[in-house]
Structures are given as C-alpha cells and as structure tokens.
Protein backbone atom coordinates (compact mmCIF):
# COMPACT_ATOMS: atom_id res chain seq x y z
CA MET A 1 77.91 87.43 70.87
CA LEU A 2 77.95 89.36 74.30
CA LYS A 3 75.50 87.02 75.64
CA HIS A 4 78.29 84.07 75.70
CA ILE A 5 80.56 85.62 77.42
CA ILE A 6 81.11 84.60 80.66
CA PRO A 7 82.79 85.91 83.56
CA LEU A 8 86.61 85.81 84.14
CA ALA A 9 88.12 83.56 87.14
CA PHE A 10 90.56 86.00 88.86
CA LEU A 11 93.35 83.67 89.40
CA VAL A 12 97.02 83.99 90.04
CA PHE A 13 98.78 81.16 87.74
CA SER A 14 101.72 79.92 88.86
CA LEU A 15 103.61 78.61 85.83
CA PRO A 16 106.39 75.80 85.15
CA THR A 17 110.32 77.02 85.39
CA PHE A 18 111.92 76.96 82.03
CA PRO A 19 115.76 77.48 81.70
CA ASN A 20 116.87 80.50 80.10
CA ASP A 21 119.63 81.79 78.73
CA ASP A 22 122.69 80.64 81.27
CA ASN A 23 120.41 77.45 82.27
CA THR A 24 119.09 78.29 85.14
CA LEU A 25 115.55 78.03 86.12
CA GLU A 26 112.58 80.96 85.48
CA GLU A 27 109.29 80.84 86.99
CA PHE A 28 106.86 82.82 86.09
CA VAL A 29 103.25 84.51 87.74
CA PRO A 30 101.34 86.69 85.61
CA ALA A 31 99.82 90.23 87.21
CA SER A 32 96.11 89.30 87.25
CA ILE A 33 92.94 91.36 88.28
CA LYS A 34 92.73 91.18 92.46
CA ASP A 35 89.66 90.17 93.34
CA SER A 36 88.91 92.83 96.61
CA ARG A 37 87.71 96.24 97.27
CA MET A 38 90.17 98.00 95.25
CA SER A 39 89.54 96.05 92.07
CA ILE A 40 89.27 98.13 89.07
CA GLU A 41 86.21 96.23 87.98
CA LYS A 42 84.81 97.66 91.31
CA LEU A 43 85.67 100.42 91.16
CA ILE A 44 84.78 101.44 87.39
CA LYS A 45 81.70 103.27 87.34
CA PHE A 46 78.92 103.49 84.45
CA PRO A 47 78.99 107.27 82.78
CA ARG A 48 75.77 108.95 84.03
CA LYS A 49 74.82 110.43 80.69
CA HIS A 50 74.87 107.25 79.38
CA GLU A 51 73.53 105.51 82.40
CA LYS A 52 70.44 107.33 81.89
CA SER A 53 69.51 107.36 78.22
CA LYS A 54 66.90 105.28 76.78
CA GLU A 55 69.01 103.24 74.05
CA ASP A 56 70.57 99.88 75.18
CA ILE A 57 74.46 100.38 74.71
CA ALA A 58 77.26 97.60 74.02
CA VAL A 59 80.99 99.20 74.35
CA VAL A 60 84.70 97.26 74.12
CA ILE A 61 87.34 99.29 75.29
CA ARG A 62 90.57 97.77 74.98
CA CYS A 63 93.37 99.23 77.31
CA ASP A 64 97.21 98.29 78.33
CA ALA A 65 98.24 99.00 82.00
CA VAL A 66 101.74 99.29 83.95
CA ILE A 67 101.56 97.25 87.25
CA LYS A 68 103.60 98.18 89.50
CA ARG A 69 106.00 96.18 92.03
CA ASN A 70 103.12 96.64 94.68
CA GLY A 71 100.22 96.09 92.35
CA LYS A 72 99.17 99.95 91.72
CA VAL A 73 98.71 101.51 88.41
CA ASP A 74 101.70 103.57 87.08
CA HIS A 75 100.28 104.51 83.70
CA ASN A 76 97.00 103.47 81.91
CA PHE A 77 96.38 103.74 78.06
CA CYS A 78 93.10 102.70 75.95
CA TYR A 79 93.15 102.47 72.97
CA GLU A 80 89.87 103.84 71.68
CA GLU A 81 90.39 107.80 72.96
CA GLY A 82 87.76 109.73 71.46
CA GLY A 83 84.38 110.65 70.25
CA VAL A 84 81.73 108.41 71.73
CA HIS A 85 84.53 106.14 73.77
CA PHE A 86 85.58 109.40 75.60
CA PRO A 87 83.13 109.14 78.81
CA PHE A 88 84.09 105.54 79.10
CA VAL A 89 87.72 105.74 78.45
CA SER A 90 87.42 108.57 81.71
CA MET A 91 85.95 105.94 84.19
CA ILE A 92 88.35 103.03 83.38
CA ASN A 93 91.28 105.74 83.78
CA ARG A 94 89.49 107.12 87.18
CA ALA A 95 89.32 103.65 88.55
CA ALA A 96 92.44 102.59 86.85
CA SER A 97 94.49 104.95 89.32
CA LYS A 98 92.93 103.91 92.35
CA SER A 99 93.14 100.30 91.62
CA VAL A 100 95.35 97.57 92.68
CA PHE A 101 96.10 94.12 91.03
CA ASN A 102 98.08 91.13 91.87
CA PRO A 103 101.95 92.21 90.64
CA ALA A 104 103.54 89.93 88.47
CA ARG A 105 106.32 87.94 89.30
CA VAL A 106 109.48 86.09 88.22
CA ASN A 107 111.86 83.55 89.88
CA GLY A 108 109.67 85.32 93.18
CA THR A 109 110.24 88.53 92.66
CA ALA A 110 107.72 91.33 92.06
CA ARG A 111 108.25 92.70 88.22
CA PRO A 112 106.51 95.62 87.08
CA VAL A 113 104.55 94.48 83.75
CA TYR A 114 102.43 95.84 80.70
CA PHE A 115 99.29 94.07 81.78
CA GLN A 116 96.79 93.97 78.47
CA TYR A 117 92.60 93.85 79.43
CA TYR A 118 89.62 94.99 77.75
CA VAL A 119 86.57 96.41 79.70
CA LEU A 120 82.53 95.37 78.46
CA PHE A 121 79.68 98.53 79.23
CA ILE A 122 76.52 96.67 78.72
CA LYS A 123 72.96 98.58 78.89
CA LYS A 124 69.95 96.99 78.67
CA GLY A 125 66.69 98.77 79.33
CA SER A 126 67.56 100.09 83.38
CA ALA A 127 69.93 97.31 83.62
CA THR A 128 73.81 98.12 83.55
CA SER A 129 76.88 95.77 83.77
CA ILE A 130 80.78 96.36 84.13
CA GLU A 131 82.69 93.45 83.33
CA VAL A 132 86.63 93.58 83.18
CA ILE A 133 88.76 91.13 81.30
CA GLY A 134 92.23 90.06 82.15
CA ASN A 135 93.57 89.47 78.56
CA SER A 136 93.98 91.81 75.55
CA GLY A 137 91.16 89.85 73.41
CA LEU A 138 93.14 88.82 70.70
CA GLU A 139 92.40 84.96 71.32
CA VAL A 140 89.45 84.66 72.56
CA ASP A 141 88.07 83.01 69.55
CA LYS A 142 91.26 80.22 70.39
CA TYR A 143 91.36 80.07 74.19
CA GLY A 144 87.82 81.72 75.06
CA VAL A 145 88.47 84.70 77.86
CA ASP A 146 90.17 83.07 80.70
CA TYR A 147 93.37 82.99 79.31
CA THR A 148 95.88 85.46 80.13
CA SER A 149 97.81 87.33 78.05
CA PRO A 150 101.76 87.22 77.55
CA GLN A 151 103.03 90.29 79.92
CA ARG A 152 105.67 92.11 78.58
CA TYR A 153 108.39 93.18 81.72
CA SER A 154 111.19 95.58 82.21
CA VAL A 155 114.81 94.33 82.85
CA PRO A 156 118.08 96.69 82.84
CA GLY A 157 119.27 97.44 79.15
CA GLY A 158 115.98 95.94 77.64
CA ILE A 159 115.22 99.62 75.85
CA PHE A 160 112.09 99.74 73.45
CA GLY A 161 111.33 101.67 70.88
CA ALA A 162 114.80 103.85 70.37
CA GLY A 163 114.82 105.39 67.45
CA CYS A 164 111.17 106.20 66.98
CA SER A 165 110.27 109.93 67.63
CA TYR A 166 107.64 111.03 69.72
CA ASN A 167 103.62 110.83 69.00
CA LYS A 168 103.77 107.59 66.39
CA HIS A 169 101.23 105.59 66.38
CA ILE A 170 102.69 102.45 65.56
CA THR A 171 102.06 98.88 66.40
CA VAL A 172 103.95 95.41 66.96
CA ASN A 173 102.81 92.62 66.86
CA ALA A 174 104.50 89.23 67.68
CA VAL A 175 104.16 86.05 68.74
CA ILE A 176 105.53 85.32 72.34
CA SER A 177 106.41 81.22 72.79
CA GLU A 178 105.20 79.64 76.11
CA LEU A 179 108.96 79.91 77.24
CA GLY A 180 108.23 83.61 77.01
CA THR A 181 110.64 84.76 74.06
CA VAL A 182 109.70 86.24 71.06
CA SER A 183 109.46 83.70 68.01
CA SER A 184 107.96 86.47 65.19
CA VAL A 185 107.91 90.19 65.37
CA ALA A 186 106.55 92.46 62.70
CA VAL A 187 106.08 96.38 62.90
CA GLU A 188 102.93 98.28 60.88
CA GLY A 189 102.37 101.54 60.49
CA ASP A 190 102.87 103.71 57.30
CA ASN A 191 105.10 107.02 59.39
CA ALA A 192 107.38 104.48 61.32
CA GLY A 193 110.12 104.43 58.71
CA ASP A 194 112.97 102.03 57.92
CA LYS A 195 115.34 103.31 60.46
CA CYS A 196 112.26 103.43 63.37
CA THR A 197 111.36 99.73 62.24
CA LYS A 198 115.07 98.17 62.41
CA TYR A 199 114.84 99.71 66.19
CA LEU A 200 111.58 98.59 66.97
CA GLU A 201 112.04 94.74 66.06
CA GLU A 202 115.83 94.66 67.71
CA SER A 203 114.69 96.36 70.42
CA PHE A 204 111.44 93.92 71.09
CA LYS A 205 113.88 90.95 70.67
CA ASN A 206 115.40 91.60 73.57
CA GLN A 207 112.50 92.11 75.92
CA LYS A 208 111.27 89.89 78.50
CA PHE A 209 107.89 88.06 78.82
CA ILE A 210 106.07 86.44 81.37
CA PRO A 211 104.55 83.69 78.95
CA ALA A 212 100.30 83.99 78.35
CA THR A 213 98.45 81.09 80.44
CA TYR A 214 95.35 79.23 79.27
CA ASN A 215 94.00 76.87 82.28
CA GLY A 216 96.96 77.00 84.59
CA LYS A 217 99.29 76.55 81.39
CA ALA A 218 102.06 78.39 79.71
CA ILE A 219 100.93 78.71 75.57
CA SER A 220 102.54 80.24 72.76
CA ALA A 221 99.97 83.18 71.82
CA PHE A 222 99.73 86.44 69.66
CA TYR A 223 100.72 90.00 71.33
CA SER A 224 100.38 93.31 70.08
CA GLU A 225 101.29 96.72 71.77
CA LEU A 226 100.57 99.90 70.48
CA ILE A 227 103.64 102.35 70.63
CA PHE A 228 102.74 105.96 70.94
CA ASP A 229 105.02 108.07 73.12
CA THR A 230 107.44 108.24 75.68
CA ILE A 231 105.55 106.71 78.19
CA ARG A 232 105.40 102.95 76.18
CA ARG A 233 109.32 103.51 76.29
CA GLN A 234 111.37 101.33 79.27
C-alpha cells in the first residue's frame, strides 16, 4: 500500500462562507503544513539506530498538534507512544517543538486549532524517506491523502472534557458536517463512566470546527480525538 502514497500538496484552502447561529457568515481557512525550512517535514530526522539498521522499515505514526495563532506548536501528542514506536515519536516531538505551520483562520482571525496528521517513516535498503500527511488518515480510503481533516478550535465557554478524571484514555468519535457543526457524536472507552460520557457528549456538541476540505471544498467527514489528560481540555 505504501508505494501508492502520493506527496501532499501543501495548500491553504479558502472555504465558502456559511451562516452561523446569528445569521452572520463565517469563512474558514484550515491550518496546514508550511512549505518552508521550518516545516515539520523538513525538521523530522530518521532515528539513527533504525537508519543504520539492515532491515527495511515502514512505520506510521498518527499525531495531533495544537497549532497556535502564530503557527507554532503548543502541544503535540502522538497516538503510538511506547515500544518500537518510541524513537520515531521522539523525532516527531522534537521537530514539532521547532516547527511552524500556516495558522487556521476564522473570518480572517487566526485561531488555535487541533491539527491532525500522520508521519510515514520508510527505509528500503540504505534509502530512507519521511513524509508528513496533513490529515488524520481516517478518511484516506474515501478521499485519498490530499484532504484536510476537521479542525477543532477553541472559543470562550467551549469547555471540553469536563467531568472526566485525569489520565483516562477515552476516544470521542464524531461526524463533522461541511458547515463545521457536529452531526453525531459517540464516546468510546471502558473506563469513561456515565458522568464522563454525558459531559463529553454535551461539551463536544458545543465545540467549534473548521470543516474538512477536499479539492478546496468543504465536506462532511469523520473526526476522532483521544482524550487523555488536561492538555487536551480547553
């Protein structure tokens, strides 16, 4: 499957405007990978131990990053953490701390967002490559690699994750419409509990999203976010 992956075009999409609750119009521009020397893709290094290995390697690491208004990364979290993934995650986190993205904008104003992406580490023989794909990878079968995932952005009063204790690995799955609204939501996790599930469902519906895009147009798309500690609560 990996040989069919095509490079991601690093574009900033200006989306159509949509009416919100007070009938004003909102214009969305999602955060994107910056094509510069400070791009995360240019800063990530192949782990030296694995680079010198005689074995071929194909590793995929999925991550979320909080992209601030100035395009810098506030927090970065990768879903694969321990074991064989640790050296690769370390390289991603190190690069993320120095990288700069194109920030998201809503109605022309920069907004901090949760940006989802994944990284491919490939080694075949002595040749190595690293590719950063600017989406969650959850809709690749439907849209290919060249789409953007929905991006959650913070607004005053948009408390997310209230009612859940620390360090619980709970996943919130949702469908985000082309208008940036939550059309369905479900909480997964055996240790979530009724109270946590209720709060997550209610608070998630109050979140604001920049909708997913494909070919420059807003689309309805699946969104999944792991809630693991206070870093991910707003």
